[in-house]
């Protein structure tokens, strides 16, 4: 079965980006969310911009 990167419907809190990333890399979606928040507070890149771009580019999982 081929993996595809999609926004999660089952693990969605806001738009499903972190849930989809977690499912794609076989990691707990909560841990992905925590990493996004830590990256936001410590200023590693621009996680908010990355999240918004991924929200528009990743297709929804149905």
C-alpha atoms as a PDB file:
ATOM      1  CA  UNK A   1       0.000   0.000   0.000  1.00  0.00           C
ATOM      2  CA  UNK A   2       1.406   3.378  -1.014  1.00  0.00           C
ATOM      3  CA  UNK A   3       1.550   6.152   1.572  1.00  0.00           C
ATOM      4  CA  UNK A   4       0.234   9.555   0.617  1.00  0.00           C
ATOM      5  CA  UNK A   5       0.557  12.775   2.559  1.00  0.00           C
ATOM      6  CA  UNK A   6      -2.946  14.025   3.318  1.00  0.00           C
ATOM      7  CA  UNK A   7      -4.617  16.133   5.982  1.00  0.00           C
ATOM      8  CA  UNK A   8      -6.124  13.816   8.551  1.00  0.00           C
ATOM      9  CA  UNK A   9      -9.843  13.675   9.146  1.00  0.00           C
ATOM     10  CA  UNK A  10      -9.629  11.371  12.173  1.00  0.00           C
ATOM     11  CA  UNK A  11      -6.737  13.164  13.933  1.00  0.00           C
ATOM     12  CA  UNK A  12      -7.782  16.698  13.151  1.00  0.00           C
ATOM     13  CA  UNK A  13      -7.711  19.468  15.734  1.00  0.00           C
ATOM     14  CA  UNK A  14      -7.632  22.551  13.537  1.00  0.00           C
ATOM     15  CA  UNK A  15      -7.043  21.673   9.876  1.00  0.00           C
ATOM     16  CA  UNK A  16      -5.559  18.164  10.166  1.00  0.00           C
ATOM     17  CA  UNK A  17      -2.022  19.033   9.047  1.00  0.00           C
ATOM     18  CA  UNK A  18      -0.210  17.707  12.127  1.00  0.00           C
ATOM     19  CA  UNK A  19      -2.458  14.643  12.212  1.00  0.00           C
ATOM     20  CA  UNK A  20      -1.691  13.923   8.574  1.00  0.00           C
ATOM     21  CA  UNK A  21       2.045  14.374   9.112  1.00  0.00           C
ATOM     22  CA  UNK A  22       1.914  12.076  12.119  1.00  0.00           C
ATOM     23  CA  UNK A  23       0.079   9.379  10.190  1.00  0.00           C
ATOM     24  CA  UNK A  24       2.496   9.703   7.257  1.00  0.00           C
ATOM     25  CA  UNK A  25       5.649   9.270   9.354  1.00  0.00           C
ATOM     26  CA  UNK A  26       4.062   6.812  11.845  1.00  0.00           C
ATOM     27  CA  UNK A  27       4.377   9.190  14.788  1.00  0.00           C
ATOM     28  CA  UNK A  28       1.805  10.200  17.357  1.00  0.00           C
ATOM     29  CA  UNK A  29       0.018  13.330  16.037  1.00  0.00           C
ATOM     30  CA  UNK A  30       0.176  14.884  19.516  1.00  0.00           C
ATOM     31  CA  UNK A  31       3.970  14.738  19.386  1.00  0.00           C
ATOM     32  CA  UNK A  32       3.938  16.432  15.966  1.00  0.00           C
ATOM     33  CA  UNK A  33       1.725  19.192  17.384  1.00  0.00           C
ATOM     34  CA  UNK A  34       4.067  19.658  20.346  1.00  0.00           C
ATOM     35  CA  UNK A  35       7.048  19.911  17.984  1.00  0.00           C
ATOM     36  CA  UNK A  36       5.239  22.552  15.899  1.00  0.00           C
ATOM     37  CA  UNK A  37       4.455  24.586  19.037  1.00  0.00           C
ATOM     38  CA  UNK A  38       8.033  24.322  20.314  1.00  0.00           C
ATOM     39  CA  UNK A  39       9.384  25.344  16.917  1.00  0.00           C
ATOM     40  CA  UNK A  40       7.026  28.308  16.932  1.00  0.00           C
ATOM     41  CA  UNK A  41       8.150  29.509  20.370  1.00  0.00           C
ATOM     42  CA  UNK A  42      11.853  28.967  19.768  1.00  0.00           C
ATOM     43  CA  UNK A  43      11.763  30.502  16.285  1.00  0.00           C
ATOM     44  CA  UNK A  44      13.065  27.601  14.200  1.00  0.00           C
ATOM     45  CA  UNK A  45      12.153  28.712  10.705  1.00  0.00           C
ATOM     46  CA  UNK A  46       8.593  29.829  10.366  1.00  0.00           C
ATOM     47  CA  UNK A  47       6.345  26.967  11.515  1.00  0.00           C
ATOM     48  CA  UNK A  48       3.172  29.042  11.277  1.00  0.00           C
ATOM     49  CA  UNK A  49       3.893  29.828   7.621  1.00  0.00           C
ATOM     50  CA  UNK A  50       4.770  26.173   6.954  1.00  0.00           C
ATOM     51  CA  UNK A  51       1.522  25.055   8.613  1.00  0.00           C
ATOM     52  CA  UNK A  52      -0.565  27.464   6.509  1.00  0.00           C
ATOM     53  CA  UNK A  53       1.153  26.430   3.279  1.00  0.00           C
ATOM     54  CA  UNK A  54       0.693  22.741   4.092  1.00  0.00           C
ATOM     55  CA  UNK A  55      -2.978  23.348   4.926  1.00  0.00           C
ATOM     56  CA  UNK A  56      -3.530  24.677   1.414  1.00  0.00           C
ATOM     57  CA  UNK A  57      -1.310  22.186  -0.430  1.00  0.00           C
ATOM     58  CA  UNK A  58      -2.192  18.917   1.310  1.00  0.00           C
ATOM     59  CA  UNK A  59      -5.392  17.289   0.039  1.00  0.00           C
ATOM     60  CA  UNK A  60      -8.025  16.173   2.545  1.00  0.00           C
ATOM     61  CA  UNK A  61      -8.263  12.523   3.556  1.00  0.00           C
ATOM     62  CA  UNK A  62     -11.811  11.222   3.389  1.00  0.00           C
END
